Amino acid sequence: MDYPLPDLDAETPILIAGATASGKSDLAVKIAQVYGGKIINADAFQIYADWQILTARPAVEDMADIPHHLYGHVPWGRPYSVGDWLREITPLLISGPRPIIVGGTGLYFHALTQGLTDIPAIPDDITQAARAGLAAGQITEMLDDLDATTRARIDTLNPRRVQRAWEVQQATGRGLAAWQDETPPPLLPLSQSIALVLDVPKEDLTQRIETRFSKMVANGALDEVAKMAPRWDDSLQVFKAIGAPELYAHLCEELSLPAAIERASIATRQYAKRQRSWFRAKHKDWQWIRPTN
């Protein structure tokens, strides 16, 4: 998938956002090869060490030829937040080749270019209580515990967002919205970068998604899930990687493999729809580029 590119230099940081299967990693490699730079991951699932194929991490040969950072470096059981990502990316922004930051996690880009409040770490007992509440279907009760401003600001249909807001409220005694209102300056303002959103037509993206997951399974994604199966815990973020629950259900003999692949493809399309909605709402000031073929 080829994209027309704006004028690029060898110094300005580049941000590449887009839905899953839109060709972000390939474009980042092409830019690095032609214009120079190091590639930095901005995908919340490609950080995990155990998900190489399932999350479509860049090919090993690409990672060997071009410096890649923040890929596959987080153990499966370690909590990891957008704040952790910001702390890890900070030194990469100020040293070495210019950064080419690529991924589909809109919250990472938002925190990088808009700033993120330094909320204190959440105690483990509160995190466990939040997970237990979600597992028990108590999301309505958790929302009731939040202040009105926070409830109005978060995506109340996203359990992860509700969990995060509830944890902050319980741990600090202040609503998430109050913390957000104290946001410090961003690490990388948009004005100091070239920010691109890959805008693949919906029909083309759907076609790519429908063929992609079967290829992942053929290349070993099911084996990756099988290795993780003894550790399975629905409450952990690592096990929410797109396609992982469906393949795990197949391993548990709850789904046939064709049915698991179909459900994973549907989940991927739904995830891409959420990503596109986020980018349309939050990335209006970015440059949107469509593939030429």
C-alpha atoms as a PDB file:
ATOM      1  CA  MET A   1       0.000   0.000   0.000  1.00  0.00           C
ATOM      2  CA  ASP A   2       1.635   3.252  -1.180  1.00  0.00           C
ATOM      3  CA  TYR A   3       0.967   6.685   0.288  1.00  0.00           C
ATOM      4  CA  PRO A   4       1.772  10.130  -1.115  1.00  0.00           C
ATOM      5  CA  LEU A   5       4.084  11.925   1.281  1.00  0.00           C
ATOM      6  CA  PRO A   6       4.461  15.609   2.111  1.00  0.00           C
ATOM      7  CA  ASP A   7       7.883  17.233   1.947  1.00  0.00           C
ATOM      8  CA  LEU A   8      10.117  15.597   4.542  1.00  0.00           C
ATOM      9  CA  ASP A   9      13.472  16.511   5.990  1.00  0.00           C
ATOM     10  CA  ALA A  10      15.957  14.512   8.032  1.00  0.00           C
ATOM     11  CA  GLU A  11      15.311  16.166  11.402  1.00  0.00           C
ATOM     12  CA  THR A  12      11.638  16.829  12.127  1.00  0.00           C
ATOM     13  CA  PRO A  13       9.903  14.096  14.180  1.00  0.00           C
ATOM     14  CA  ILE A  14       7.226  12.204  12.262  1.00  0.00           C
ATOM     15  CA  LEU A  15       4.028  10.783  13.735  1.00  0.00           C
ATOM     16  CA  ILE A  16       2.137   8.076  11.817  1.00  0.00           C
ATOM     17  CA  ALA A  17      -1.308   7.105  13.110  1.00  0.00           C
ATOM     18  CA  GLY A  18      -3.972   4.945  11.536  1.00  0.00           C
ATOM     19  CA  ALA A  19      -6.311   2.032  11.985  1.00  0.00           C
ATOM     20  CA  THR A  20      -5.059  -1.521  12.229  1.00  0.00           C
ATOM     21  CA  ALA A  21      -4.020  -3.031   8.867  1.00  0.00           C
ATOM     22  CA  SER A  22      -3.599   0.404   7.253  1.00  0.00           C
ATOM     23  CA  GLY A  23       0.083  -0.076   6.455  1.00  0.00           C
ATOM     24  CA  LYS A  24       1.608   2.118   9.154  1.00  0.00           C
ATOM     25  CA  SER A  25       4.679   0.000   9.831  1.00  0.00           C
ATOM     26  CA  ASP A  26       5.528  -0.383   6.150  1.00  0.00           C
ATOM     27  CA  LEU A  27       5.313   3.370   5.659  1.00  0.00           C
ATOM     28  CA  ALA A  28       7.515   4.029   8.691  1.00  0.00           C
ATOM     29  CA  VAL A  29      10.173   1.674   7.315  1.00  0.00           C
ATOM     30  CA  LYS A  30      10.021   3.330   3.893  1.00  0.00           C
ATOM     31  CA  ILE A  31      10.479   6.788   5.424  1.00  0.00           C
ATOM     32  CA  ALA A  32      13.363   5.620   7.599  1.00  0.00           C
ATOM     33  CA  GLN A  33      15.095   3.996   4.624  1.00  0.00           C
ATOM     34  CA  VAL A  34      14.784   7.078   2.403  1.00  0.00           C
ATOM     35  CA  TYR A  35      14.986   9.978   4.846  1.00  0.00           C
ATOM     36  CA  GLY A  36      16.567   8.445   7.944  1.00  0.00           C
ATOM     37  CA  GLY A  37      15.344   8.047  11.491  1.00  0.00           C
ATOM     38  CA  LYS A  38      14.519   5.526  14.178  1.00  0.00           C
ATOM     39  CA  ILE A  39      11.090   3.923  14.569  1.00  0.00           C
ATOM     40  CA  ILE A  40       9.264   4.063  17.902  1.00  0.00           C
ATOM     41  CA  ASN A  41       6.184   2.007  18.722  1.00  0.00           C
ATOM     42  CA  ALA A  42       2.928   3.713  19.693  1.00  0.00           C
ATOM     43  CA  ASP A  43       0.748   0.600  19.826  1.00  0.00           C
ATOM     44  CA  ALA A  44      -0.459  -0.569  23.226  1.00  0.00           C
ATOM     45  CA  PHE A  45      -0.364  -4.265  22.280  1.00  0.00           C
ATOM     46  CA  GLN A  46       2.868  -4.402  20.299  1.00  0.00           C
ATOM     47  CA  ILE A  47       4.721  -3.579  23.526  1.00  0.00           C
ATOM     48  CA  TYR A  48       4.174  -7.116  24.853  1.00  0.00           C
ATOM     49  CA  ALA A  49       6.995  -9.640  24.487  1.00  0.00           C
ATOM     50  CA  ASP A  50       4.701 -12.620  23.860  1.00  0.00           C
ATOM     51  CA  TRP A  51       2.690 -11.159  20.976  1.00  0.00           C
ATOM     52  CA  GLN A  52       4.882 -11.041  17.876  1.00  0.00           C
ATOM     53  CA  ILE A  53       2.597 -12.448  15.189  1.00  0.00           C
ATOM     54  CA  LEU A  54      -0.764 -11.742  16.809  1.00  0.00           C
ATOM     55  CA  THR A  55      -0.103  -7.988  16.964  1.00  0.00           C
ATOM     56  CA  ALA A  56       1.666  -7.778  13.584  1.00  0.00           C
ATOM     57  CA  ARG A  57       4.888  -6.439  15.011  1.00  0.00           C
ATOM     58  CA  PRO A  58       7.389  -5.341  12.324  1.00  0.00           C
ATOM     59  CA  ALA A  59       9.332  -8.111  10.618  1.00  0.00           C
ATOM     60  CA  VAL A  60      12.536  -9.208  12.312  1.00  0.00           C
ATOM     61  CA  GLU A  61      14.600  -8.223   9.279  1.00  0.00           C
ATOM     62  CA  ASP A  62      13.162  -4.685   9.303  1.00  0.00           C
ATOM     63  CA  MET A  63      13.894  -4.326  13.005  1.00  0.00           C
ATOM     64  CA  ALA A  64      17.460  -5.484  12.372  1.00  0.00           C
ATOM     65  CA  ASP A  65      18.114  -3.007   9.545  1.00  0.00           C
ATOM     66  CA  ILE A  66      16.490   0.053  11.138  1.00  0.00           C
ATOM     67  CA  PRO A  67      16.548   0.992  14.838  1.00  0.00           C
ATOM     68  CA  HIS A  68      13.204   0.053  16.441  1.00  0.00           C
ATOM     69  CA  HIS A  69      12.242   0.940  20.016  1.00  0.00           C
ATOM     70  CA  LEU A  70       9.509   0.001  22.528  1.00  0.00           C
ATOM     71  CA  TYR A  71       8.495  -3.186  20.699  1.00  0.00           C
ATOM     72  CA  GLY A  72       8.001  -6.443  22.596  1.00  0.00           C
ATOM     73  CA  HIS A  73       9.784  -5.214  25.709  1.00  0.00           C
ATOM     74  CA  VAL A  74       7.037  -5.607  28.338  1.00  0.00           C
ATOM     75  CA  PRO A  75       6.534  -8.973  30.133  1.00  0.00           C
ATOM     76  CA  TRP A  76       3.003 -10.339  30.008  1.00  0.00           C
ATOM     77  CA  GLY A  77       2.139  -9.730  33.672  1.00  0.00           C
ATOM     78  CA  ARG A  78       3.596  -6.253  34.090  1.00  0.00           C
ATOM     79  CA  PRO A  79       1.132  -3.341  34.319  1.00  0.00           C
ATOM     80  CA  TYR A  80       1.867  -0.746  31.661  1.00  0.00           C
ATOM     81  CA  SER A  81       0.188   2.626  31.215  1.00  0.00           C
ATOM     82  CA  VAL A  82       0.362   5.574  28.878  1.00  0.00           C
ATOM     83  CA  GLY A  83       2.436   7.259  31.578  1.00  0.00           C
ATOM     84  CA  ASP A  84       4.961   4.418  31.393  1.00  0.00           C
ATOM     85  CA  TRP A  85       5.109   4.871  27.629  1.00  0.00           C
ATOM     86  CA  LEU A  86       5.724   8.606  27.945  1.00  0.00           C
ATOM     87  CA  ARG A  87       8.536   8.028  30.420  1.00  0.00           C
ATOM     88  CA  GLU A  88      10.171   5.505  28.103  1.00  0.00           C
ATOM     89  CA  ILE A  89       9.845   7.611  24.978  1.00  0.00           C
ATOM     90  CA  THR A  90      11.239  10.789  26.568  1.00  0.00           C
ATOM     91  CA  PRO A  91      14.969   9.976  26.157  1.00  0.00           C
ATOM     92  CA  LEU A  92      14.314   8.685  22.631  1.00  0.00           C
ATOM     93  CA  LEU A  93      12.976  12.097  21.625  1.00  0.00           C
ATOM     94  CA  ILE A  94      16.136  13.962  22.577  1.00  0.00           C
ATOM     95  CA  SER A  95      18.961  11.675  21.458  1.00  0.00           C
ATOM     96  CA  GLY A  96      19.931   9.722  18.369  1.00  0.00           C
ATOM     97  CA  PRO A  97      18.263   9.824  14.931  1.00  0.00           C
ATOM     98  CA  ARG A  98      14.990  11.661  14.534  1.00  0.00           C
ATOM     99  CA  PRO A  99      11.968   9.714  15.808  1.00  0.00           C
ATOM    100  CA  ILE A 100       9.342   8.201  13.542  1.00  0.00           C
ATOM    101  CA  ILE A 101       6.554   7.335  15.967  1.00  0.00           C
ATOM    102  CA  VAL A 102       4.036   4.865  14.574  1.00  0.00           C
ATOM    103  CA  GLY A 103       0.986   3.096  15.947  1.00  0.00           C
ATOM    104  CA  GLY A 104      -2.744   2.880  16.342  1.00  0.00           C
ATOM    105  CA  THR A 105      -3.175   3.801  20.009  1.00  0.00           C
ATOM    106  CA  GLY A 106      -4.703   7.255  19.862  1.00  0.00           C
ATOM    107  CA  LEU A 107      -4.293   7.859  23.580  1.00  0.00           C
ATOM    108  CA  TYR A 108      -0.508   7.543  23.266  1.00  0.00           C
ATOM    109  CA  PHE A 109      -0.402  10.194  20.552  1.00  0.00           C
ATOM    110  CA  HIS A 110      -2.814  12.426  22.478  1.00  0.00           C
ATOM    111  CA  ALA A 111      -0.647  12.270  25.599  1.00  0.00           C
ATOM    112  CA  LEU A 112       2.507  12.899  23.578  1.00  0.00           C
ATOM    113  CA  THR A 113       1.211  15.935  21.698  1.00  0.00           C
ATOM    114  CA  GLN A 114      -1.302  17.332  24.212  1.00  0.00           C
ATOM    115  CA  GLY A 115       0.274  16.414  27.560  1.00  0.00           C
ATOM    116  CA  LEU A 116      -0.600  13.969  30.331  1.00  0.00           C
ATOM    117  CA  THR A 117      -1.178  14.583  34.016  1.00  0.00           C
ATOM    118  CA  ASP A 118       1.248  12.741  36.291  1.00  0.00           C
ATOM    119  CA  ILE A 119      -1.308  10.804  38.331  1.00  0.00           C
ATOM    120  CA  PRO A 120       0.193   8.813  41.246  1.00  0.00           C
ATOM    121  CA  ALA A 121       0.601   5.069  40.825  1.00  0.00           C
ATOM    122  CA  ILE A 122      -2.509   3.054  41.667  1.00  0.00           C
ATOM    123  CA  PRO A 123      -2.099   0.570  44.560  1.00  0.00           C
ATOM    124  CA  ASP A 124      -2.472  -3.061  43.574  1.00  0.00           C
ATOM    125  CA  ASP A 125      -5.437  -3.663  45.886  1.00  0.00           C
ATOM    126  CA  ILE A 126      -7.439  -0.933  44.150  1.00  0.00           C
ATOM    127  CA  THR A 127      -6.551  -2.289  40.723  1.00  0.00           C
ATOM    128  CA  GLN A 128      -7.640  -5.762  41.805  1.00  0.00           C
ATOM    129  CA  ALA A 129     -10.896  -4.384  43.189  1.00  0.00           C
ATOM    130  CA  ALA A 130     -11.555  -2.581  39.888  1.00  0.00           C
ATOM    131  CA  ARG A 131     -10.926  -5.738  37.885  1.00  0.00           C
ATOM    132  CA  ALA A 132     -13.199  -7.716  40.171  1.00  0.00           C
ATOM    133  CA  GLY A 133     -15.925  -5.108  39.774  1.00  0.00           C
ATOM    134  CA  LEU A 134     -15.774  -5.258  36.000  1.00  0.00           C
ATOM    135  CA  ALA A 135     -15.689  -9.054  36.033  1.00  0.00           C
ATOM    136  CA  ALA A 136     -18.812  -9.046  38.190  1.00  0.00           C
ATOM    137  CA  GLY A 137     -20.640  -6.727  35.794  1.00  0.00           C
ATOM    138  CA  GLN A 138     -20.631  -3.773  38.184  1.00  0.00           C
ATOM    139  CA  ILE A 139     -19.698  -1.104  35.656  1.00  0.00           C
ATOM    140  CA  THR A 140     -22.858   0.903  36.468  1.00  0.00           C
ATOM    141  CA  GLU A 141     -21.957   0.962  40.157  1.00  0.00           C
ATOM    142  CA  MET A 142     -18.392   2.022  39.295  1.00  0.00           C
ATOM    143  CA  LEU A 143     -19.724   4.860  37.161  1.00  0.00           C
ATOM    144  CA  ASP A 144     -21.965   5.956  40.033  1.00  0.00           C
ATOM    145  CA  ASP A 145     -18.830   6.349  42.183  1.00  0.00           C
ATOM    146  CA  LEU A 146     -17.355   8.909  39.769  1.00  0.00           C
ATOM    147  CA  ASP A 147     -17.866  12.649  39.906  1.00  0.00           C
ATOM    148  CA  ALA A 148     -20.180  14.172  37.306  1.00  0.00           C
ATOM    149  CA  THR A 149     -17.413  15.937  35.382  1.00  0.00           C
ATOM    150  CA  THR A 150     -15.408  12.743  34.955  1.00  0.00           C
ATOM    151  CA  ARG A 151     -18.504  10.757  33.918  1.00  0.00           C
ATOM    152  CA  ALA A 152     -19.269  13.349  31.249  1.00  0.00           C
ATOM    153  CA  ARG A 153     -15.726  13.299  29.910  1.00  0.00           C
ATOM    154  CA  ILE A 154     -14.838   9.608  29.630  1.00  0.00           C
ATOM    155  CA  ASP A 155     -16.125   6.965  27.226  1.00  0.00           C
ATOM    156  CA  THR A 156     -18.561   5.232  29.563  1.00  0.00           C
ATOM    157  CA  LEU A 157     -18.980   2.331  27.124  1.00  0.00           C
ATOM    158  CA  ASN A 158     -15.274   1.470  27.342  1.00  0.00           C
ATOM    159  CA  PRO A 159     -14.622  -0.705  30.420  1.00  0.00           C
ATOM    160  CA  ARG A 160     -10.919   0.185  30.441  1.00  0.00           C
ATOM    161  CA  ARG A 161     -11.712   3.904  30.635  1.00  0.00           C
ATOM    162  CA  VAL A 162     -14.243   3.324  33.413  1.00  0.00           C
ATOM    163  CA  GLN A 163     -11.743   1.181  35.309  1.00  0.00           C
ATOM    164  CA  ARG A 164      -9.035   3.820  35.026  1.00  0.00           C
ATOM    165  CA  ALA A 165     -11.338   6.620  36.208  1.00  0.00           C
ATOM    166  CA  TRP A 166     -12.603   4.525  39.121  1.00  0.00           C
ATOM    167  CA  GLU A 167      -9.065   3.577  40.175  1.00  0.00           C
ATOM    168  CA  VAL A 168      -7.933   7.210  40.165  1.00  0.00           C
ATOM    169  CA  GLN A 169     -10.978   8.292  42.167  1.00  0.00           C
ATOM    170  CA  GLN A 170     -10.442   5.573  44.777  1.00  0.00           C
ATOM    171  CA  ALA A 171      -6.662   5.983  45.019  1.00  0.00           C
ATOM    172  CA  THR A 172      -6.401   9.777  45.121  1.00  0.00           C
ATOM    173  CA  GLY A 173      -9.777  10.990  46.339  1.00  0.00           C
ATOM    174  CA  ARG A 174      -9.971  13.244  43.261  1.00  0.00           C
ATOM    175  CA  GLY A 175     -11.760  12.718  39.980  1.00  0.00           C
ATOM    176  CA  LEU A 176      -9.836  11.927  36.816  1.00  0.00           C
ATOM    177  CA  ALA A 177     -11.178  15.116  35.220  1.00  0.00           C
ATOM    178  CA  ALA A 178      -9.632  17.250  37.987  1.00  0.00           C
ATOM    179  CA  TRP A 179      -6.248  15.626  37.380  1.00  0.00           C
ATOM    180  CA  GLN A 180      -6.581  16.114  33.623  1.00  0.00           C
ATOM    181  CA  ASP A 181      -7.280  19.802  34.103  1.00  0.00           C
ATOM    182  CA  GLU A 182      -3.746  20.126  35.517  1.00  0.00           C
ATOM    183  CA  THR A 183      -2.132  18.724  32.371  1.00  0.00           C
ATOM    184  CA  PRO A 184       1.478  19.909  31.863  1.00  0.00           C
ATOM    185  CA  PRO A 185       2.909  20.983  28.478  1.00  0.00           C
ATOM    186  CA  PRO A 186       3.277  18.169  25.922  1.00  0.00           C
ATOM    187  CA  LEU A 187       6.581  16.440  25.229  1.00  0.00           C
ATOM    188  CA  LEU A 188       6.157  16.914  21.468  1.00  0.00           C
ATOM    189  CA  PRO A 189       3.700  19.597  20.326  1.00  0.00           C
ATOM    190  CA  LEU A 190       2.114  19.062  16.922  1.00  0.00           C
ATOM    191  CA  SER A 191       3.741  22.283  15.712  1.00  0.00           C
ATOM    192  CA  GLN A 192       7.154  20.633  16.108  1.00  0.00           C
ATOM    193  CA  SER A 193       6.320  17.486  14.147  1.00  0.00           C
ATOM    194  CA  ILE A 194       4.951  16.139  10.877  1.00  0.00           C
ATOM    195  CA  ALA A 195       1.765  14.350  11.931  1.00  0.00           C
ATOM    196  CA  LEU A 196       0.116  11.943   9.490  1.00  0.00           C
ATOM    197  CA  VAL A 197      -3.101   9.903   9.665  1.00  0.00           C
ATOM    198  CA  LEU A 198      -3.415   7.057   7.156  1.00  0.00           C
ATOM    199  CA  ASP A 199      -6.917   7.304   5.767  1.00  0.00           C
ATOM    200  CA  VAL A 200      -7.704   3.977   4.091  1.00  0.00           C
ATOM    201  CA  PRO A 201     -11.181   3.784   2.504  1.00  0.00           C
ATOM    202  CA  LYS A 202     -13.460   1.628   4.643  1.00  0.00           C
ATOM    203  CA  GLU A 203     -14.040  -0.995   1.938  1.00  0.00           C
ATOM    204  CA  ASP A 204     -10.321  -1.433   1.305  1.00  0.00           C
ATOM    205  CA  LEU A 205      -9.538  -1.657   5.013  1.00  0.00           C
ATOM    206  CA  THR A 206     -12.260  -4.273   5.538  1.00  0.00           C
ATOM    207  CA  GLN A 207     -10.826  -6.406   2.748  1.00  0.00           C
ATOM    208  CA  ARG A 208      -7.329  -6.213   4.220  1.00  0.00           C
ATOM    209  CA  ILE A 209      -8.615  -7.155   7.670  1.00  0.00           C
ATOM    210  CA  GLU A 210     -10.588 -10.152   6.384  1.00  0.00           C
ATOM    211  CA  THR A 211      -7.501 -11.743   4.829  1.00  0.00           C
ATOM    212  CA  ARG A 212      -5.035 -10.667   7.478  1.00  0.00           C
ATOM    213  CA  PHE A 213      -6.092 -12.779  10.448  1.00  0.00           C
ATOM    214  CA  SER A 214      -6.095 -16.055   8.534  1.00  0.00           C
ATOM    215  CA  LYS A 215      -2.514 -15.277   7.506  1.00  0.00           C
ATOM    216  CA  MET A 216      -1.620 -14.585  11.130  1.00  0.00           C
ATOM    217  CA  VAL A 217      -2.951 -17.987  12.177  1.00  0.00           C
ATOM    218  CA  ALA A 218      -1.064 -19.670   9.351  1.00  0.00           C
ATOM    219  CA  ASN A 219       2.109 -17.897  10.475  1.00  0.00           C
ATOM    220  CA  GLY A 220       1.845 -19.010  14.109  1.00  0.00           C
ATOM    221  CA  ALA A 221      -0.584 -16.765  15.995  1.00  0.00           C
ATOM    222  CA  LEU A 222      -2.426 -19.799  17.400  1.00  0.00           C
ATOM    223  CA  ASP A 223       0.865 -21.157  18.741  1.00  0.00           C
ATOM    224  CA  GLU A 224       1.501 -17.854  20.511  1.00  0.00           C
ATOM    225  CA  VAL A 225      -1.886 -18.034  22.229  1.00  0.00           C
ATOM    226  CA  ALA A 226      -1.313 -21.677  23.161  1.00  0.00           C
ATOM    227  CA  LYS A 227       1.913 -20.738  24.943  1.00  0.00           C
ATOM    228  CA  MET A 228       0.064 -18.041  26.890  1.00  0.00           C
ATOM    229  CA  ALA A 229      -2.980 -20.189  27.679  1.00  0.00           C
ATOM    230  CA  PRO A 230      -1.715 -21.527  31.055  1.00  0.00           C
ATOM    231  CA  ARG A 231      -1.418 -17.927  32.281  1.00  0.00           C
ATOM    232  CA  TRP A 232      -4.788 -16.772  30.955  1.00  0.00           C
ATOM    233  CA  ASP A 233      -6.462 -14.009  32.963  1.00  0.00           C
ATOM    234  CA  ASP A 234      -9.243 -12.013  31.295  1.00  0.00           C
ATOM    235  CA  SER A 235      -8.614  -9.050  33.611  1.00  0.00           C
ATOM    236  CA  LEU A 236      -5.091  -8.408  32.296  1.00  0.00           C
ATOM    237  CA  GLN A 237      -4.619  -6.044  29.384  1.00  0.00           C
ATOM    238  CA  VAL A 238      -2.217  -8.355  27.557  1.00  0.00           C
ATOM    239  CA  PHE A 239      -4.983 -10.920  27.037  1.00  0.00           C
ATOM    240  CA  LYS A 240      -7.265  -8.352  25.412  1.00  0.00           C
ATOM    241  CA  ALA A 241      -5.104  -8.220  22.268  1.00  0.00           C
ATOM    242  CA  ILE A 242      -7.357  -8.437  19.229  1.00  0.00           C
ATOM    243  CA  GLY A 243      -7.830 -12.092  18.282  1.00  0.00           C
ATOM    244  CA  ALA A 244      -6.384 -13.541  21.474  1.00  0.00           C
ATOM    245  CA  PRO A 245      -9.731 -14.253  23.232  1.00  0.00           C
ATOM    246  CA  GLU A 246     -11.137 -15.897  20.110  1.00  0.00           C
ATOM    247  CA  LEU A 247      -8.141 -18.185  19.604  1.00  0.00           C
ATOM    248  CA  TYR A 248      -8.150 -19.014  23.307  1.00  0.00           C
ATOM    249  CA  ALA A 249     -11.821 -20.014  22.991  1.00  0.00           C
ATOM    250  CA  HIS A 250     -10.812 -22.350  20.168  1.00  0.00           C
ATOM    251  CA  LEU A 251      -8.092 -23.911  22.328  1.00  0.00           C
ATOM    252  CA  CYS A 252     -10.713 -24.437  25.043  1.00  0.00           C
ATOM    253  CA  GLU A 253     -12.863 -26.244  22.426  1.00  0.00           C
ATOM    254  CA  GLU A 254     -15.545 -23.562  22.628  1.00  0.00           C
ATOM    255  CA  LEU A 255     -15.144 -22.513  18.986  1.00  0.00           C
ATOM    256  CA  SER A 256     -14.006 -24.207  15.813  1.00  0.00           C
ATOM    257  CA  LEU A 257     -10.944 -22.638  14.237  1.00  0.00           C
ATOM    258  CA  PRO A 258     -12.917 -21.162  11.285  1.00  0.00           C
ATOM    259  CA  ALA A 259     -15.413 -19.664  13.757  1.00  0.00           C
ATOM    260  CA  ALA A 260     -12.589 -18.237  15.878  1.00  0.00           C
ATOM    261  CA  ILE A 261     -10.987 -16.665  12.820  1.00  0.00           C
ATOM    262  CA  GLU A 262     -14.309 -15.168  11.734  1.00  0.00           C
ATOM    263  CA  ARG A 263     -15.002 -13.723  15.188  1.00  0.00           C
ATOM    264  CA  ALA A 264     -11.465 -12.346  15.403  1.00  0.00           C
ATOM    265  CA  SER A 265     -11.915 -10.672  12.014  1.00  0.00           C
ATOM    266  CA  ILE A 266     -15.171  -9.114  13.227  1.00  0.00           C
ATOM    267  CA  ALA A 267     -13.456  -7.915  16.408  1.00  0.00           C
ATOM    268  CA  THR A 268     -10.662  -6.414  14.311  1.00  0.00           C
ATOM    269  CA  ARG A 269     -13.145  -4.536  12.126  1.00  0.00           C
ATOM    270  CA  GLN A 270     -14.893  -3.195  15.235  1.00  0.00           C
ATOM    271  CA  TYR A 271     -11.552  -2.128  16.684  1.00  0.00           C
ATOM    272  CA  ALA A 272     -10.626  -0.373  13.438  1.00  0.00           C
ATOM    273  CA  LYS A 273     -13.960   1.451  13.519  1.00  0.00           C
ATOM    274  CA  ARG A 274     -13.212   2.733  17.033  1.00  0.00           C
ATOM    275  CA  GLN A 275      -9.746   3.820  15.939  1.00  0.00           C
ATOM    276  CA  ARG A 276     -11.117   5.710  12.940  1.00  0.00           C
ATOM    277  CA  SER A 277     -13.704   7.417  15.150  1.00  0.00           C
ATOM    278  CA  TRP A 278     -10.979   8.491  17.586  1.00  0.00           C
ATOM    279  CA  PHE A 279      -8.777   9.895  14.844  1.00  0.00           C
ATOM    280  CA  ARG A 280     -11.661  11.785  13.243  1.00  0.00           C
ATOM    281  CA  ALA A 281     -12.483  13.371  16.605  1.00  0.00           C
ATOM    282  CA  LYS A 282      -8.982  13.960  17.994  1.00  0.00           C
ATOM    283  CA  HIS A 283      -6.673  14.293  14.968  1.00  0.00           C
ATOM    284  CA  LYS A 284      -8.423  16.971  12.944  1.00  0.00           C
ATOM    285  CA  ASP A 285      -5.230  19.048  12.842  1.00  0.00           C
ATOM    286  CA  TRP A 286      -3.110  16.196  11.438  1.00  0.00           C
ATOM    287  CA  GLN A 287      -2.404  15.637   7.742  1.00  0.00           C
ATOM    288  CA  TRP A 288      -4.698  12.923   6.373  1.00  0.00           C
ATOM    289  CA  ILE A 289      -3.294  10.928   3.467  1.00  0.00           C
ATOM    290  CA  ARG A 290      -4.986   8.247   1.356  1.00  0.00           C
ATOM    291  CA  PRO A 291      -3.205   5.357  -0.374  1.00  0.00           C
ATOM    292  CA  THR A 292      -2.615   5.674  -4.085  1.00  0.00           C
ATOM    293  CA  ASN A 293      -3.286   1.967  -4.741  1.00  0.00           C
END
